[in-house]
Amino acid sequence: MPSGMSILLDLIVAGLLVTVIVFAAILNRRLSVWRQERAEFERLIAEFNRAAVRAETGVERLKAASEQTGKTLQQAVTKGQSLRDDLSYLIERAEPLADRLTEGIRAARSMRRGDPVSESSIARNSNASTRETEEQDERARAKRELLRALAALR
């Protein structure tokens, strides 16, 4: 029986060897699939890194463009405020002149219709001629200042 026992042991060892070979083949296939997926995963990571670098570059460009736009906008606001101040000054200076012109027109219409003119309006009209010269000088000066301010803005 020793030879029967030897054959039985050889059969058991052969069966175990076949089982190990089958498991080794399955393991080899799974490892090769894992290697392929790993290479694909590494490729995806590399693509993601490139996309992240492009996005970062785009953000930097956008930031630089927004800063430049902000500076340009601030310059425009500053110029606009300067013009607003100049125009406010001119309006303040023009309002009394417009009021005087309106009074002069009313007085002239009253005189044309033959309405009695009060002494105060006559006095105003006589003072108006001297004031008119002064006002023309003032208007000319204000006009020159406005033209200088506008030229400076260009």
Protein backbone atom coordinates (compact mmCIF):
# COMPACT_ATOMS: atom_id res chain seq x y z
CA MET A 1 0.00 0.00 0.00
CA PRO A 2 2.73 2.26 0.23
CA SER A 3 2.62 2.66 -3.47
CA GLY A 4 -1.18 3.39 -3.36
CA MET A 5 -0.62 5.96 -0.72
CA SER A 6 2.12 7.51 -2.78
CA ILE A 7 -0.16 7.73 -5.81
CA LEU A 8 -2.91 9.29 -3.68
CA LEU A 9 -0.50 11.87 -2.30
CA ASP A 10 0.77 12.60 -5.81
CA LEU A 11 -2.84 13.09 -6.99
CA ILE A 12 -3.57 15.47 -4.08
CA VAL A 13 -0.40 17.46 -4.75
CA ALA A 14 -1.21 17.54 -8.51
CA GLY A 15 -4.76 18.78 -7.70
CA LEU A 16 -3.41 21.46 -5.43
CA LEU A 17 -0.88 22.50 -8.08
CA VAL A 18 -3.65 22.78 -10.69
CA THR A 19 -5.68 24.91 -8.25
CA VAL A 20 -2.68 27.18 -7.59
CA ILE A 21 -2.06 27.53 -11.34
CA VAL A 22 -5.72 28.47 -11.95
CA PHE A 23 -5.64 31.05 -9.13
CA ALA A 24 -2.30 32.39 -10.40
CA ALA A 25 -3.79 32.82 -13.90
CA ILE A 26 -6.84 34.63 -12.47
CA LEU A 27 -4.59 36.82 -10.32
CA ASN A 28 -2.38 37.58 -13.35
CA ARG A 29 -5.43 38.71 -15.38
CA ARG A 30 -6.66 40.91 -12.55
CA LEU A 31 -3.21 42.45 -12.11
CA SER A 32 -2.96 43.23 -15.83
CA VAL A 33 -6.43 44.85 -15.74
CA TRP A 34 -5.39 46.83 -12.68
CA ARG A 35 -2.18 47.98 -14.47
CA GLN A 36 -4.24 49.13 -17.48
CA GLU A 37 -6.71 50.96 -15.25
CA ARG A 38 -3.83 52.46 -13.29
CA ALA A 39 -2.31 53.82 -16.52
CA GLU A 40 -5.71 55.23 -17.49
CA PHE A 41 -6.07 56.74 -14.02
CA GLU A 42 -2.60 58.33 -14.27
CA ARG A 43 -3.54 59.75 -17.69
CA LEU A 44 -6.73 61.23 -16.19
CA ILE A 45 -4.73 62.77 -13.34
CA ALA A 46 -2.29 64.30 -15.83
CA GLU A 47 -5.21 65.75 -17.85
CA PHE A 48 -6.73 67.15 -14.67
CA ASN A 49 -3.42 68.79 -13.76
CA ARG A 50 -3.16 70.39 -17.21
CA ALA A 51 -6.75 71.65 -16.94
CA ALA A 52 -6.03 73.06 -13.48
CA VAL A 53 -2.96 74.91 -14.81
CA ARG A 54 -4.99 76.34 -17.71
CA ALA A 55 -7.74 77.42 -15.32
CA GLU A 56 -5.22 79.06 -13.01
CA THR A 57 -3.68 80.94 -15.95
CA GLY A 58 -7.15 82.05 -17.05
CA VAL A 59 -7.93 83.31 -13.56
CA GLU A 60 -4.69 85.30 -13.49
CA ARG A 61 -5.50 86.88 -16.86
CA LEU A 62 -9.03 87.67 -15.72
CA LYS A 63 -7.69 89.24 -12.54
CA ALA A 64 -5.25 91.40 -14.50
CA ALA A 65 -7.98 92.46 -16.93
CA SER A 66 -10.36 93.34 -14.10
CA GLU A 67 -7.67 95.42 -12.38
CA GLN A 68 -6.99 97.30 -15.62
CA THR A 69 -10.71 97.84 -16.17
CA GLY A 70 -11.04 99.08 -12.59
CA LYS A 71 -8.24 101.60 -13.10
CA THR A 72 -9.77 102.81 -16.36
CA LEU A 73 -13.17 103.13 -14.74
CA GLN A 74 -11.71 105.04 -11.79
CA GLN A 75 -10.03 107.47 -14.18
CA ALA A 76 -13.33 108.00 -16.01
CA VAL A 77 -15.14 108.60 -12.71
CA THR A 78 -12.50 111.10 -11.64
CA LYS A 79 -12.79 112.99 -14.94
CA GLY A 80 -16.59 112.89 -14.67
CA GLN A 81 -16.49 114.32 -11.16
CA SER A 82 -14.19 117.11 -12.33
CA LEU A 83 -16.54 117.94 -15.20
CA ARG A 84 -19.51 117.84 -12.85
CA ASP A 85 -17.79 120.31 -10.52
CA ASP A 86 -16.93 122.60 -13.44
CA LEU A 87 -20.49 122.49 -14.75
CA SER A 88 -21.92 123.14 -11.28
CA TYR A 89 -19.69 126.20 -11.00
CA LEU A 90 -20.81 127.47 -14.39
CA ILE A 91 -24.47 126.91 -13.55
CA GLU A 92 -24.08 128.81 -10.29
CA ARG A 93 -22.48 131.68 -12.19
CA ALA A 94 -25.12 131.64 -14.96
CA GLU A 95 -28.24 131.66 -12.75
CA PRO A 96 -27.90 135.29 -11.60
CA LEU A 97 -27.16 136.32 -15.18
CA ALA A 98 -30.27 134.55 -16.41
CA ASP A 99 -32.35 136.25 -13.70
CA ARG A 100 -31.01 139.68 -14.72
CA LEU A 101 -31.68 138.97 -18.39
CA THR A 102 -35.24 137.95 -17.56
CA GLU A 103 -35.77 141.18 -15.62
CA GLY A 104 -34.35 143.21 -18.52
CA ILE A 105 -36.65 141.45 -21.01
CA ARG A 106 -39.70 142.10 -18.82
CA ALA A 107 -38.76 145.76 -18.45
CA ALA A 108 -38.24 146.11 -22.21
CA ARG A 109 -41.63 144.53 -22.93
CA SER A 110 -43.29 146.81 -20.40
CA MET A 111 -41.70 149.86 -22.03
CA ARG A 112 -42.79 148.69 -25.48
CA ARG A 113 -46.40 148.31 -24.37
CA GLY A 114 -46.38 151.74 -22.86
CA ASP A 115 -46.85 150.47 -19.32
CA PRO A 116 -45.66 152.81 -16.63
CA VAL A 117 -42.21 151.81 -15.57
CA SER A 118 -41.26 152.19 -11.97
CA GLU A 119 -38.19 154.13 -10.98
CA SER A 120 -36.63 151.01 -9.55
CA SER A 121 -36.78 149.24 -12.92
CA ILE A 122 -35.27 152.31 -14.63
CA ALA A 123 -32.50 152.35 -12.02
CA ARG A 124 -32.01 148.63 -12.55
CA ASN A 125 -31.79 149.16 -16.30
CA SER A 126 -29.19 151.94 -15.91
CA ASN A 127 -27.19 149.78 -13.55
CA ALA A 128 -27.73 146.90 -15.96
CA SER A 129 -25.61 148.53 -18.65
CA THR A 130 -22.63 148.86 -16.30
CA ARG A 131 -23.26 145.41 -14.95
CA GLU A 132 -23.67 144.07 -18.44
CA THR A 133 -20.11 145.01 -19.29
CA GLU A 134 -18.88 143.39 -16.10
CA GLU A 135 -20.98 140.33 -16.77
CA GLN A 136 -19.65 140.01 -20.30
CA ASP A 137 -16.12 140.13 -18.92
CA GLU A 138 -17.06 137.53 -16.30
CA ARG A 139 -18.72 135.31 -18.93
CA ALA A 140 -15.67 135.54 -21.16
CA ARG A 141 -13.44 134.57 -18.22
CA ALA A 142 -15.72 131.66 -17.27
CA LYS A 143 -15.79 130.54 -20.89
CA ARG A 144 -11.99 130.56 -21.05
CA GLU A 145 -11.81 128.56 -17.80
CA LEU A 146 -14.28 126.01 -19.15
CA LEU A 147 -12.35 125.65 -22.39
CA ARG A 148 -9.11 125.18 -20.46
CA ALA A 149 -10.73 122.54 -18.24
CA LEU A 150 -12.13 120.70 -21.24
CA ALA A 151 -8.78 120.85 -23.03
CA ALA A 152 -7.06 119.46 -19.93
CA LEU A 153 -9.45 116.49 -19.90
CA ARG A 154 -8.59 115.51 -23.46
